[in-house]
């Protein structure tokens, strides 16, 4: 399961995605992403418009709420591997350390049962 790809390709919230995956969930990819303006325009239907693209970021620096992901992993009783995807970064050793500390903190603060703010299925 890759929460960042879930946003990019399907826009499913973590709990929804993980409950659908159920017993097929083997491991989790940890990264994040943002939309970034390229500074260019692209012709779309004969009109030049701003061109945006996805940019991969460390877990703490993007659109994915990793506390929510950790909550959802807890709800489905996931106890497998989480794989850091920092190989795209200029300083992967430092970024892996920072990402690991961030993810551990998310695991610690994420609710272990359904409670606020995560009471709705896919809000």
PDB file of N, CA and C in Angstrom:
ATOM      1  N   UNK A   1       0.845  -1.175   0.000  1.00  0.00           N
ATOM      2  CA  UNK A   1       0.000   0.000   0.000  1.00  0.00           C
ATOM      3  C   UNK A   1       0.885   1.231   0.000  1.00  0.00           C
ATOM      4  N   UNK A   2       0.552   2.176  -0.818  1.00  0.00           N
ATOM      5  CA  UNK A   2       1.293   3.432  -0.897  1.00  0.00           C
ATOM      6  C   UNK A   2       0.304   4.583  -0.791  1.00  0.00           C
ATOM      7  N   UNK A   3       0.199   5.216   0.387  1.00  0.00           N
ATOM      8  CA  UNK A   3      -0.778   6.295   0.556  1.00  0.00           C
ATOM      9  C   UNK A   3      -0.595   7.432  -0.442  1.00  0.00           C
ATOM     10  N   UNK A   4       0.654   7.753  -0.780  1.00  0.00           N
ATOM     11  CA  UNK A   4       0.893   8.831  -1.740  1.00  0.00           C
ATOM     12  C   UNK A   4       0.346   8.455  -3.114  1.00  0.00           C
ATOM     13  N   UNK A   5       0.574   7.234  -3.545  1.00  0.00           N
ATOM     14  CA  UNK A   5       0.005   6.800  -4.823  1.00  0.00           C
ATOM     15  C   UNK A   5      -1.510   6.750  -4.753  1.00  0.00           C
ATOM     16  N   UNK A   6      -2.050   6.444  -3.577  1.00  0.00           N
ATOM     17  CA  UNK A   6      -3.505   6.440  -3.411  1.00  0.00           C
ATOM     18  C   UNK A   6      -4.106   7.805  -3.654  1.00  0.00           C
ATOM     19  N   UNK A   7      -3.421   8.853  -3.212  1.00  0.00           N
ATOM     20  CA  UNK A   7      -3.897  10.216  -3.472  1.00  0.00           C
ATOM     21  C   UNK A   7      -3.735  10.548  -4.948  1.00  0.00           C
ATOM     22  N   UNK A   8      -2.591  10.213  -5.488  1.00  0.00           N
ATOM     23  CA  UNK A   8      -2.281  10.542  -6.880  1.00  0.00           C
ATOM     24  C   UNK A   8      -3.214   9.831  -7.861  1.00  0.00           C
ATOM     25  N   UNK A   9      -3.517   8.572  -7.588  1.00  0.00           N
ATOM     26  CA  UNK A   9      -4.257   7.777  -8.559  1.00  0.00           C
ATOM     27  C   UNK A   9      -5.719   7.548  -8.222  1.00  0.00           C
ATOM     28  N   UNK A  10      -6.108   7.651  -6.961  1.00  0.00           N
ATOM     29  CA  UNK A  10      -7.476   7.299  -6.653  1.00  0.00           C
ATOM     30  C   UNK A  10      -8.167   8.152  -5.627  1.00  0.00           C
ATOM     31  N   UNK A  11      -7.428   8.950  -4.910  1.00  0.00           N
ATOM     32  CA  UNK A  11      -7.978   9.857  -3.905  1.00  0.00           C
ATOM     33  C   UNK A  11      -8.765   9.131  -2.813  1.00  0.00           C
ATOM     34  N   UNK A  12      -8.325   7.932  -2.444  1.00  0.00           N
ATOM     35  CA  UNK A  12      -8.959   7.213  -1.342  1.00  0.00           C
ATOM     36  C   UNK A  12      -8.296   7.592  -0.032  1.00  0.00           C
ATOM     37  N   UNK A  13      -9.105   7.843   0.974  1.00  0.00           N
ATOM     38  CA  UNK A  13      -8.568   8.093   2.305  1.00  0.00           C
ATOM     39  C   UNK A  13      -7.968   6.795   2.845  1.00  0.00           C
ATOM     40  N   UNK A  14      -6.991   6.890   3.749  1.00  0.00           N
ATOM     41  CA  UNK A  14      -6.291   5.692   4.222  1.00  0.00           C
ATOM     42  C   UNK A  14      -7.191   4.611   4.809  1.00  0.00           C
ATOM     43  N   UNK A  15      -8.133   4.976   5.672  1.00  0.00           N
ATOM     44  CA  UNK A  15      -8.975   3.943   6.290  1.00  0.00           C
ATOM     45  C   UNK A  15      -9.772   3.202   5.224  1.00  0.00           C
ATOM     46  N   UNK A  16     -10.344   3.923   4.303  1.00  0.00           N
ATOM     47  CA  UNK A  16     -11.120   3.313   3.229  1.00  0.00           C
ATOM     48  C   UNK A  16     -10.236   2.354   2.431  1.00  0.00           C
ATOM     49  N   UNK A  17      -9.075   2.827   2.009  1.00  0.00           N
ATOM     50  CA  UNK A  17      -8.171   1.998   1.207  1.00  0.00           C
ATOM     51  C   UNK A  17      -7.732   0.752   1.969  1.00  0.00           C
ATOM     52  N   UNK A  18      -7.369   0.914   3.228  1.00  0.00           N
ATOM     53  CA  UNK A  18      -6.855  -0.220   3.994  1.00  0.00           C
ATOM     54  C   UNK A  18      -7.936  -1.230   4.330  1.00  0.00           C
ATOM     55  N   UNK A  19      -9.152  -0.769   4.566  1.00  0.00           N
ATOM     56  CA  UNK A  19     -10.235  -1.721   4.810  1.00  0.00           C
ATOM     57  C   UNK A  19     -10.570  -2.495   3.534  1.00  0.00           C
ATOM     58  N   UNK A  20     -10.399  -1.861   2.377  1.00  0.00           N
ATOM     59  CA  UNK A  20     -10.604  -2.577   1.117  1.00  0.00           C
ATOM     60  C   UNK A  20      -9.497  -3.605   0.870  1.00  0.00           C
ATOM     61  N   UNK A  21      -8.270  -3.246   1.200  1.00  0.00           N
ATOM     62  CA  UNK A  21      -7.143  -4.158   0.983  1.00  0.00           C
ATOM     63  C   UNK A  21      -7.206  -5.374   1.894  1.00  0.00           C
ATOM     64  N   UNK A  22      -7.652  -5.156   3.129  1.00  0.00           N
ATOM     65  CA  UNK A  22      -7.825  -6.261   4.069  1.00  0.00           C
ATOM     66  C   UNK A  22      -6.636  -7.194   4.149  1.00  0.00           C
ATOM     67  N   UNK A  23      -6.865  -8.484   3.949  1.00  0.00           N
ATOM     68  CA  UNK A  23      -5.802  -9.471   4.129  1.00  0.00           C
ATOM     69  C   UNK A  23      -4.720  -9.411   3.048  1.00  0.00           C
ATOM     70  N   UNK A  24      -4.928  -8.624   2.010  1.00  0.00           N
ATOM     71  CA  UNK A  24      -3.941  -8.521   0.934  1.00  0.00           C
ATOM     72  C   UNK A  24      -2.837  -7.520   1.247  1.00  0.00           C
ATOM     73  N   UNK A  25      -2.973  -6.785   2.330  1.00  0.00           N
ATOM     74  CA  UNK A  25      -1.990  -5.774   2.707  1.00  0.00           C
ATOM     75  C   UNK A  25      -0.709  -6.456   3.182  1.00  0.00           C
ATOM     76  N   UNK A  26       0.382  -6.248   2.448  1.00  0.00           N
ATOM     77  CA  UNK A  26       1.649  -6.895   2.782  1.00  0.00           C
ATOM     78  C   UNK A  26       2.642  -5.925   3.415  1.00  0.00           C
ATOM     79  N   UNK A  27       2.782  -4.736   2.841  1.00  0.00           N
ATOM     80  CA  UNK A  27       3.674  -3.733   3.415  1.00  0.00           C
ATOM     81  C   UNK A  27       3.249  -2.353   2.939  1.00  0.00           C
ATOM     82  N   UNK A  28       3.851  -1.322   3.525  1.00  0.00           N
ATOM     83  CA  UNK A  28       3.451   0.059   3.270  1.00  0.00           C
ATOM     84  C   UNK A  28       4.671   0.847   2.798  1.00  0.00           C
ATOM     85  N   UNK A  29       4.483   1.652   1.773  1.00  0.00           N
ATOM     86  CA  UNK A  29       5.532   2.569   1.306  1.00  0.00           C
ATOM     87  C   UNK A  29       5.356   3.906   2.004  1.00  0.00           C
ATOM     88  N   UNK A  30       6.426   4.454   2.555  1.00  0.00           N
ATOM     89  CA  UNK A  30       6.362   5.728   3.263  1.00  0.00           C
ATOM     90  C   UNK A  30       7.069   6.821   2.465  1.00  0.00           C
ATOM     91  N   UNK A  31       6.273   7.696   1.912  1.00  0.00           N
ATOM     92  CA  UNK A  31       6.750   8.920   1.274  1.00  0.00           C
ATOM     93  C   UNK A  31       5.588   9.890   1.309  1.00  0.00           C
ATOM     94  N   UNK A  32       5.762  11.050   0.744  1.00  0.00           N
ATOM     95  CA  UNK A  32       4.690  12.016   0.665  1.00  0.00           C
ATOM     96  C   UNK A  32       4.788  12.707  -0.682  1.00  0.00           C
ATOM     97  N   UNK A  33       3.852  13.609  -0.964  1.00  0.00           N
ATOM     98  CA  UNK A  33       3.889  14.313  -2.240  1.00  0.00           C
ATOM     99  C   UNK A  33       3.176  15.644  -2.147  1.00  0.00           C
ATOM    100  N   UNK A  34       3.519  16.502  -3.100  1.00  0.00           N
ATOM    101  CA  UNK A  34       2.872  17.808  -3.244  1.00  0.00           C
ATOM    102  C   UNK A  34       2.643  18.059  -4.728  1.00  0.00           C
ATOM    103  N   UNK A  35       1.742  18.966  -5.029  1.00  0.00           N
ATOM    104  CA  UNK A  35       1.612  19.505  -6.379  1.00  0.00           C
ATOM    105  C   UNK A  35       2.615  20.643  -6.490  1.00  0.00           C
ATOM    106  N   UNK A  36       3.354  20.700  -7.592  1.00  0.00           N
ATOM    107  CA  UNK A  36       4.339  21.763  -7.791  1.00  0.00           C
ATOM    108  C   UNK A  36       4.149  22.385  -9.169  1.00  0.00           C
ATOM    109  N   UNK A  37       4.087  23.718  -9.179  1.00  0.00           N
ATOM    110  CA  UNK A  37       3.985  24.451 -10.445  1.00  0.00           C
ATOM    111  C   UNK A  37       5.330  24.369 -11.152  1.00  0.00           C
ATOM    112  N   UNK A  38       5.335  24.002 -12.415  1.00  0.00           N
ATOM    113  CA  UNK A  38       6.585  23.830 -13.155  1.00  0.00           C
ATOM    114  C   UNK A  38       7.147  25.144 -13.674  1.00  0.00           C
ATOM    115  N   UNK A  39       6.372  26.212 -13.601  1.00  0.00           N
ATOM    116  CA  UNK A  39       6.812  27.483 -14.155  1.00  0.00           C
ATOM    117  C   UNK A  39       6.544  27.591 -15.644  1.00  0.00           C
ATOM    118  N   UNK A  40       5.879  26.599 -16.172  1.00  0.00           N
ATOM    119  CA  UNK A  40       5.595  26.559 -17.602  1.00  0.00           C
ATOM    120  C   UNK A  40       4.094  26.489 -17.819  1.00  0.00           C
ATOM    121  N   UNK A  41       3.721  26.668 -19.062  1.00  0.00           N
ATOM    122  CA  UNK A  41       2.324  26.447 -19.421  1.00  0.00           C
ATOM    123  C   UNK A  41       2.275  25.324 -20.439  1.00  0.00           C
ATOM    124  N   UNK A  42       1.144  24.699 -20.516  1.00  0.00           N
ATOM    125  CA  UNK A  42       0.961  23.578 -21.435  1.00  0.00           C
ATOM    126  C   UNK A  42      -0.324  23.795 -22.214  1.00  0.00           C
ATOM    127  N   UNK A  43      -0.293  23.506 -23.508  1.00  0.00           N
ATOM    128  CA  UNK A  43      -1.527  23.659 -24.286  1.00  0.00           C
ATOM    129  C   UNK A  43      -2.513  22.545 -23.950  1.00  0.00           C
ATOM    130  N   UNK A  44      -3.645  22.945 -23.413  1.00  0.00           N
ATOM    131  CA  UNK A  44      -4.718  22.005 -23.101  1.00  0.00           C
ATOM    132  C   UNK A  44      -5.958  22.542 -23.791  1.00  0.00           C
ATOM    133  N   UNK A  45      -6.513  21.750 -24.666  1.00  0.00           N
ATOM    134  CA  UNK A  45      -7.656  22.166 -25.489  1.00  0.00           C
ATOM    135  C   UNK A  45      -7.413  23.530 -26.136  1.00  0.00           C
ATOM    136  N   UNK A  46      -6.223  23.671 -26.734  1.00  0.00           N
ATOM    137  CA  UNK A  46      -5.827  24.865 -27.493  1.00  0.00           C
ATOM    138  C   UNK A  46      -5.703  26.126 -26.645  1.00  0.00           C
ATOM    139  N   UNK A  47      -5.633  25.999 -25.345  1.00  0.00           N
ATOM    140  CA  UNK A  47      -5.444  27.144 -24.454  1.00  0.00           C
ATOM    141  C   UNK A  47      -4.241  26.835 -23.564  1.00  0.00           C
ATOM    142  N   UNK A  48      -3.282  27.748 -23.507  1.00  0.00           N
ATOM    143  CA  UNK A  48      -2.141  27.549 -22.614  1.00  0.00           C
ATOM    144  C   UNK A  48      -2.573  27.777 -21.176  1.00  0.00           C
ATOM    145  N   UNK A  49      -2.301  26.781 -20.340  1.00  0.00           N
ATOM    146  CA  UNK A  49      -2.637  26.877 -18.920  1.00  0.00           C
ATOM    147  C   UNK A  49      -1.427  26.477 -18.085  1.00  0.00           C
ATOM    148  N   UNK A  50      -1.453  26.866 -16.824  1.00  0.00           N
ATOM    149  CA  UNK A  50      -0.354  26.521 -15.919  1.00  0.00           C
ATOM    150  C   UNK A  50      -0.157  25.009 -15.890  1.00  0.00           C
ATOM    151  N   UNK A  51       1.084  24.589 -15.892  1.00  0.00           N
ATOM    152  CA  UNK A  51       1.412  23.169 -15.860  1.00  0.00           C
ATOM    153  C   UNK A  51       1.892  22.795 -14.455  1.00  0.00           C
ATOM    154  N   UNK A  52       1.236  21.823 -13.857  1.00  0.00           N
ATOM    155  CA  UNK A  52       1.554  21.342 -12.518  1.00  0.00           C
ATOM    156  C   UNK A  52       1.991  19.892 -12.617  1.00  0.00           C
ATOM    157  N   UNK A  53       2.821  19.468 -11.669  1.00  0.00           N
ATOM    158  CA  UNK A  53       3.232  18.064 -11.615  1.00  0.00           C
ATOM    159  C   UNK A  53       3.387  17.641 -10.160  1.00  0.00           C
ATOM    160  N   UNK A  54       3.332  16.330  -9.944  1.00  0.00           N
ATOM    161  CA  UNK A  54       3.553  15.788  -8.610  1.00  0.00           C
ATOM    162  C   UNK A  54       5.031  15.845  -8.289  1.00  0.00           C
ATOM    163  N   UNK A  55       5.359  16.139  -7.039  1.00  0.00           N
ATOM    164  CA  UNK A  55       6.736  16.070  -6.553  1.00  0.00           C
ATOM    165  C   UNK A  55       6.728  15.226  -5.288  1.00  0.00           C
ATOM    166  N   UNK A  56       7.588  14.224  -5.252  1.00  0.00           N
ATOM    167  CA  UNK A  56       7.691  13.358  -4.089  1.00  0.00           C
ATOM    168  C   UNK A  56       8.503  14.062  -3.005  1.00  0.00           C
ATOM    169  N   UNK A  57       8.045  13.935  -1.749  1.00  0.00           N
ATOM    170  CA  UNK A  57       8.691  14.598  -0.615  1.00  0.00           C
ATOM    171  C   UNK A  57       8.875  13.604   0.533  1.00  0.00           C
ATOM    172  N   UNK A  58       9.661  13.972   1.548  1.00  0.00           N
ATOM    173  CA  UNK A  58       9.756  13.132   2.744  1.00  0.00           C
ATOM    174  C   UNK A  58       8.391  13.025   3.437  1.00  0.00           C
ATOM    175  N   UNK A  59       8.196  12.019   4.276  1.00  0.00           N
ATOM    176  CA  UNK A  59       6.891  11.794   4.899  1.00  0.00           C
ATOM    177  C   UNK A  59       6.292  13.002   5.618  1.00  0.00           C
ATOM    178  N   UNK A  60       7.105  13.842   6.238  1.00  0.00           N
ATOM    179  CA  UNK A  60       6.576  14.964   7.024  1.00  0.00           C
ATOM    180  C   UNK A  60       6.173  16.172   6.178  1.00  0.00           C
ATOM    181  N   UNK A  61       6.478  16.172   4.889  1.00  0.00           N
ATOM    182  CA  UNK A  61       6.391  17.408   4.108  1.00  0.00           C
ATOM    183  C   UNK A  61       5.414  17.391   2.943  1.00  0.00           C
ATOM    184  N   UNK A  62       4.287  16.773   3.065  1.00  0.00           N
ATOM    185  CA  UNK A  62       3.385  16.736   1.923  1.00  0.00           C
ATOM    186  C   UNK A  62       1.924  16.657   2.310  1.00  0.00           C
ATOM    187  N   UNK A  63       1.135  16.166   1.376  1.00  0.00           N
ATOM    188  CA  UNK A  63      -0.316  16.136   1.515  1.00  0.00           C
ATOM    189  C   UNK A  63      -0.830  14.992   2.387  1.00  0.00           C
ATOM    190  N   UNK A  64      -0.058  13.931   2.529  1.00  0.00           N
ATOM    191  CA  UNK A  64      -0.511  12.750   3.267  1.00  0.00           C
ATOM    192  C   UNK A  64      -0.461  13.021   4.767  1.00  0.00           C
ATOM    193  N   UNK A  65      -1.557  12.759   5.450  1.00  0.00           N
ATOM    194  CA  UNK A  65      -1.614  12.863   6.909  1.00  0.00           C
ATOM    195  C   UNK A  65      -1.178  11.513   7.476  1.00  0.00           C
ATOM    196  N   UNK A  66       0.089  11.419   7.882  1.00  0.00           N
ATOM    197  CA  UNK A  66       0.613  10.141   8.338  1.00  0.00           C
ATOM    198  C   UNK A  66       0.038   9.701   9.680  1.00  0.00           C
ATOM    199  N   UNK A  67      -0.469  10.622  10.479  1.00  0.00           N
ATOM    200  CA  UNK A  67      -1.179  10.213  11.699  1.00  0.00           C
ATOM    201  C   UNK A  67      -2.442   9.459  11.294  1.00  0.00           C
ATOM    202  N   UNK A  68      -3.140   9.953  10.281  1.00  0.00           N
ATOM    203  CA  UNK A  68      -4.333   9.261   9.789  1.00  0.00           C
ATOM    204  C   UNK A  68      -3.974   7.897   9.210  1.00  0.00           C
ATOM    205  N   UNK A  69      -2.872   7.820   8.474  1.00  0.00           N
ATOM    206  CA  UNK A  69      -2.440   6.531   7.920  1.00  0.00           C
ATOM    207  C   UNK A  69      -2.137   5.553   9.055  1.00  0.00           C
ATOM    208  N   UNK A  70      -1.420   6.002  10.067  1.00  0.00           N
ATOM    209  CA  UNK A  70      -1.090   5.120  11.196  1.00  0.00           C
ATOM    210  C   UNK A  70      -2.338   4.683  11.950  1.00  0.00           C
ATOM    211  N   UNK A  71      -3.308   5.589  12.082  1.00  0.00           N
ATOM    212  CA  UNK A  71      -4.599   5.224  12.673  1.00  0.00           C
ATOM    213  C   UNK A  71      -5.248   4.109  11.848  1.00  0.00           C
ATOM    214  N   UNK A  72      -5.295   4.288  10.536  1.00  0.00           N
ATOM    215  CA  UNK A  72      -5.936   3.295   9.667  1.00  0.00           C
ATOM    216  C   UNK A  72      -5.202   1.958   9.730  1.00  0.00           C
ATOM    217  N   UNK A  73      -3.876   1.991   9.788  1.00  0.00           N
ATOM    218  CA  UNK A  73      -3.108   0.752   9.920  1.00  0.00           C
ATOM    219  C   UNK A  73      -3.447   0.044  11.230  1.00  0.00           C
ATOM    220  N   UNK A  74      -3.642   0.816  12.277  1.00  0.00           N
ATOM    221  CA  UNK A  74      -4.018   0.242  13.571  1.00  0.00           C
ATOM    222  C   UNK A  74      -5.401  -0.407  13.511  1.00  0.00           C
ATOM    223  N   UNK A  75      -6.342   0.258  12.849  1.00  0.00           N
ATOM    224  CA  UNK A  75      -7.718  -0.250  12.752  1.00  0.00           C
ATOM    225  C   UNK A  75      -7.764  -1.607  12.051  1.00  0.00           C
ATOM    226  N   UNK A  76      -6.883  -1.806  11.042  1.00  0.00           N
ATOM    227  CA  UNK A  76      -6.885  -3.082  10.317  1.00  0.00           C
ATOM    228  C   UNK A  76      -5.861  -4.066  10.895  1.00  0.00           C
ATOM    229  N   UNK A  77      -5.311  -3.724  12.082  1.00  0.00           N
ATOM    230  CA  UNK A  77      -4.358  -4.599  12.781  1.00  0.00           C
ATOM    231  C   UNK A  77      -3.113  -4.925  11.962  1.00  0.00           C
ATOM    232  N   UNK A  78      -2.622  -3.957  11.222  1.00  0.00           N
ATOM    233  CA  UNK A  78      -1.407  -4.147  10.425  1.00  0.00           C
ATOM    234  C   UNK A  78      -0.197  -4.201  11.342  1.00  0.00           C
ATOM    235  N   UNK A  79       0.641  -5.208  11.150  1.00  0.00           N
ATOM    236  CA  UNK A  79       1.879  -5.296  11.922  1.00  0.00           C
ATOM    237  C   UNK A  79       3.059  -5.670  11.026  1.00  0.00           C
ATOM    238  N   UNK A  80       2.974  -5.270   9.771  1.00  0.00           N
ATOM    239  CA  UNK A  80       4.020  -5.589   8.803  1.00  0.00           C
ATOM    240  C   UNK A  80       5.043  -4.473   8.645  1.00  0.00           C
ATOM    241  N   UNK A  81       5.729  -4.519   7.522  1.00  0.00           N
ATOM    242  CA  UNK A  81       6.816  -3.593   7.223  1.00  0.00           C
ATOM    243  C   UNK A  81       6.300  -2.267   6.676  1.00  0.00           C
ATOM    244  N   UNK A  82       7.015  -1.205   7.050  1.00  0.00           N
ATOM    245  CA  UNK A  82       6.847   0.098   6.414  1.00  0.00           C
ATOM    246  C   UNK A  82       8.188   0.418   5.771  1.00  0.00           C
ATOM    247  N   UNK A  83       8.174   0.622   4.461  1.00  0.00           N
ATOM    248  CA  UNK A  83       9.394   0.829   3.687  1.00  0.00           C
ATOM    249  C   UNK A  83       9.552   2.302   3.334  1.00  0.00           C
ATOM    250  N   UNK A  84      10.639   2.915   3.801  1.00  0.00           N
ATOM    251  CA  UNK A  84      10.914   4.315   3.472  1.00  0.00           C
ATOM    252  C   UNK A  84      11.319   4.422   2.002  1.00  0.00           C
ATOM    253  N   UNK A  85      10.807   5.427   1.328  1.00  0.00           N
ATOM    254  CA  UNK A  85      11.164   5.661  -0.071  1.00  0.00           C
ATOM    255  C   UNK A  85      11.911   6.986  -0.183  1.00  0.00           C
ATOM    256  N   UNK A  86      13.125   7.021   0.323  1.00  0.00           N
ATOM    257  CA  UNK A  86      13.923   8.248   0.310  1.00  0.00           C
ATOM    258  C   UNK A  86      15.049   8.197  -0.713  1.00  0.00           C
ATOM    259  N   UNK A  87      15.071   7.184  -1.561  1.00  0.00           N
ATOM    260  CA  UNK A  87      16.156   7.038  -2.525  1.00  0.00           C
ATOM    261  C   UNK A  87      16.193   8.150  -3.566  1.00  0.00           C
ATOM    262  N   UNK A  88      15.133   8.913  -3.673  1.00  0.00           N
ATOM    263  CA  UNK A  88      15.041  10.001  -4.645  1.00  0.00           C
ATOM    264  C   UNK A  88      15.591  11.302  -4.080  1.00  0.00           C
ATOM    265  N   UNK A  89      15.984  11.323  -2.826  1.00  0.00           N
ATOM    266  CA  UNK A  89      16.412  12.544  -2.144  1.00  0.00           C
ATOM    267  C   UNK A  89      17.931  12.723  -2.255  1.00  0.00           C
ATOM    268  N   UNK A  90      18.423  13.975  -2.222  1.00  0.00           N
ATOM    269  CA  UNK A  90      19.862  14.207  -2.329  1.00  0.00           C
ATOM    270  C   UNK A  90      20.664  13.724  -1.114  1.00  0.00           C
ATOM    271  N   UNK A  91      20.054  13.681   0.068  1.00  0.00           N
ATOM    272  CA  UNK A  91      20.731  13.239   1.292  1.00  0.00           C
ATOM    273  C   UNK A  91      19.903  12.131   1.944  1.00  0.00           C
ATOM    274  N   UNK A  92      19.863  10.945   1.324  1.00  0.00           N
ATOM    275  CA  UNK A  92      18.939   9.907   1.796  1.00  0.00           C
ATOM    276  C   UNK A  92      19.202   9.443   3.225  1.00  0.00           C
ATOM    277  N   UNK A  93      20.450   9.391   3.667  1.00  0.00           N
ATOM    278  CA  UNK A  93      20.719   8.913   5.029  1.00  0.00           C
ATOM    279  C   UNK A  93      20.090   9.839   6.068  1.00  0.00           C
ATOM    280  N   UNK A  94      20.271  11.129   5.909  1.00  0.00           N
ATOM    281  CA  UNK A  94      19.677  12.098   6.826  1.00  0.00           C
ATOM    282  C   UNK A  94      18.154  12.061   6.732  1.00  0.00           C
ATOM    283  N   UNK A  95      17.639  12.007   5.516  1.00  0.00           N
ATOM    284  CA  UNK A  95      16.190  12.009   5.318  1.00  0.00           C
ATOM    285  C   UNK A  95      15.534  10.747   5.868  1.00  0.00           C
ATOM    286  N   UNK A  96      16.229   9.616   5.780  1.00  0.00           N
ATOM    287  CA  UNK A  96      15.680   8.382   6.350  1.00  0.00           C
ATOM    288  C   UNK A  96      15.589   8.506   7.867  1.00  0.00           C
ATOM    289  N   UNK A  97      16.623   9.045   8.497  1.00  0.00           N
ATOM    290  CA  UNK A  97      16.587   9.249   9.948  1.00  0.00           C
ATOM    291  C   UNK A  97      15.459  10.171  10.366  1.00  0.00           C
ATOM    292  N   UNK A  98      15.318  11.295   9.662  1.00  0.00           N
ATOM    293  CA  UNK A  98      14.238  12.237   9.974  1.00  0.00           C
ATOM    294  C   UNK A  98      12.871  11.619   9.712  1.00  0.00           C
ATOM    295  N   UNK A  99      12.748  10.906   8.591  1.00  0.00           N
ATOM    296  CA  UNK A  99      11.478  10.270   8.255  1.00  0.00           C
ATOM    297  C   UNK A  99      11.094   9.198   9.255  1.00  0.00           C
ATOM    298  N   UNK A 100      12.074   8.421   9.695  1.00  0.00           N
ATOM    299  CA  UNK A 100      11.807   7.373  10.680  1.00  0.00           C
ATOM    300  C   UNK A 100      11.339   7.975  12.001  1.00  0.00           C
ATOM    301  N   UNK A 101      12.011   9.026  12.452  1.00  0.00           N
ATOM    302  CA  UNK A 101      11.595   9.689  13.699  1.00  0.00           C
ATOM    303  C   UNK A 101      10.181  10.244  13.562  1.00  0.00           C
ATOM    304  N   UNK A 102       9.883  10.849  12.421  1.00  0.00           N
ATOM    305  CA  UNK A 102       8.544  11.392  12.176  1.00  0.00           C
ATOM    306  C   UNK A 102       7.495  10.286  12.197  1.00  0.00           C
ATOM    307  N   UNK A 103       7.752   9.181  11.492  1.00  0.00           N
ATOM    308  CA  UNK A 103       6.780   8.087  11.428  1.00  0.00           C
ATOM    309  C   UNK A 103       6.575   7.435  12.798  1.00  0.00           C
ATOM    310  N   UNK A 104       7.637   7.280  13.566  1.00  0.00           N
ATOM    311  CA  UNK A 104       7.489   6.730  14.925  1.00  0.00           C
ATOM    312  C   UNK A 104       6.594   7.627  15.767  1.00  0.00           C
ATOM    313  N   UNK A 105       6.767   8.928  15.641  1.00  0.00           N
ATOM    314  CA  UNK A 105       5.917   9.862  16.375  1.00  0.00           C
ATOM    315  C   UNK A 105       4.464   9.731  15.925  1.00  0.00           C
ATOM    316  N   UNK A 106       4.244   9.584  14.625  1.00  0.00           N
ATOM    317  CA  UNK A 106       2.875   9.410  14.108  1.00  0.00           C
ATOM    318  C   UNK A 106       2.235   8.150  14.673  1.00  0.00           C
ATOM    319  N   UNK A 107       2.990   7.053  14.719  1.00  0.00           N
ATOM    320  CA  UNK A 107       2.476   5.805  15.297  1.00  0.00           C
ATOM    321  C   UNK A 107       2.094   6.024  16.756  1.00  0.00           C
ATOM    322  N   UNK A 108       2.919   6.745  17.490  1.00  0.00           N
ATOM    323  CA  UNK A 108       2.668   6.966  18.922  1.00  0.00           C
ATOM    324  C   UNK A 108       1.444   7.829  19.191  1.00  0.00           C
ATOM    325  N   UNK A 109       1.176   8.818  18.341  1.00  0.00           N
ATOM    326  CA  UNK A 109       0.053   9.730  18.616  1.00  0.00           C
ATOM    327  C   UNK A 109      -1.241   9.323  17.916  1.00  0.00           C
ATOM    328  N   UNK A 110      -1.181   8.401  16.972  1.00  0.00           N
ATOM    329  CA  UNK A 110      -2.389   7.988  16.249  1.00  0.00           C
ATOM    330  C   UNK A 110      -3.336   7.228  17.177  1.00  0.00           C
ATOM    331  N   UNK A 111      -4.636   7.515  17.103  1.00  0.00           N
ATOM    332  CA  UNK A 111      -5.605   6.753  17.897  1.00  0.00           C
ATOM    333  C   UNK A 111      -5.530   5.265  17.548  1.00  0.00           C
ATOM    334  N   UNK A 112      -5.761   4.436  18.530  1.00  0.00           N
ATOM    335  CA  UNK A 112      -5.726   2.981  18.323  1.00  0.00           C
ATOM    336  C   UNK A 112      -7.113   2.404  18.075  1.00  0.00           C
ATOM    337  N   UNK A 113      -8.132   3.254  18.211  1.00  0.00           N
ATOM    338  CA  UNK A 113      -9.507   2.836  17.934  1.00  0.00           C
ATOM    339  C   UNK A 113     -10.226   4.012  17.280  1.00  0.00           C
ATOM    340  N   UNK A 114     -11.411   3.769  16.789  1.00  0.00           N
ATOM    341  CA  UNK A 114     -12.158   4.814  16.095  1.00  0.00           C
ATOM    342  C   UNK A 114     -12.591   5.880  17.090  1.00  0.00           C
ATOM    343  N   UNK A 115     -12.083   7.081  16.888  1.00  0.00           N
ATOM    344  CA  UNK A 115     -12.418   8.231  17.722  1.00  0.00           C
ATOM    345  C   UNK A 115     -12.115   9.492  16.922  1.00  0.00           C
ATOM    346  N   UNK A 116     -12.492  10.641  17.473  1.00  0.00           N
ATOM    347  CA  UNK A 116     -12.227  11.902  16.792  1.00  0.00           C
ATOM    348  C   UNK A 116     -10.721  12.081  16.619  1.00  0.00           C
ATOM    349  N   UNK A 117     -10.268  12.622  15.527  1.00  0.00           N
ATOM    350  CA  UNK A 117     -11.050  13.181  14.426  1.00  0.00           C
ATOM    351  C   UNK A 117     -11.353  12.174  13.331  1.00  0.00           C
ATOM    352  N   UNK A 118     -11.141  10.887  13.586  1.00  0.00           N
ATOM    353  CA  UNK A 118     -11.277   9.873  12.546  1.00  0.00           C
ATOM    354  C   UNK A 118     -12.513   9.001  12.732  1.00  0.00           C
ATOM    355  N   UNK A 119     -13.678   9.612  12.889  1.00  0.00           N
ATOM    356  CA  UNK A 119     -14.899   8.831  13.087  1.00  0.00           C
ATOM    357  C   UNK A 119     -15.634   8.558  11.785  1.00  0.00           C
ATOM    358  N   UNK A 120     -15.396   9.345  10.769  1.00  0.00           N
ATOM    359  CA  UNK A 120     -16.078   9.169   9.490  1.00  0.00           C
ATOM    360  C   UNK A 120     -15.256   8.263   8.586  1.00  0.00           C
ATOM    361  N   UNK A 121     -15.928   7.518   7.733  1.00  0.00           N
ATOM    362  CA  UNK A 121     -15.258   6.525   6.898  1.00  0.00           C
ATOM    363  C   UNK A 121     -14.359   7.147   5.844  1.00  0.00           C
ATOM    364  N   UNK A 122     -14.846   8.116   5.100  1.00  0.00           N
ATOM    365  CA  UNK A 122     -14.048   8.642   3.990  1.00  0.00           C
ATOM    366  C   UNK A 122     -14.276  10.137   3.801  1.00  0.00           C
ATOM    367  N   UNK A 123     -14.320  10.888   4.894  1.00  0.00           N
ATOM    368  CA  UNK A 123     -14.494  12.345   4.799  1.00  0.00           C
ATOM    369  C   UNK A 123     -13.202  13.010   4.395  1.00  0.00           C
TER     370      UNK A 123
END
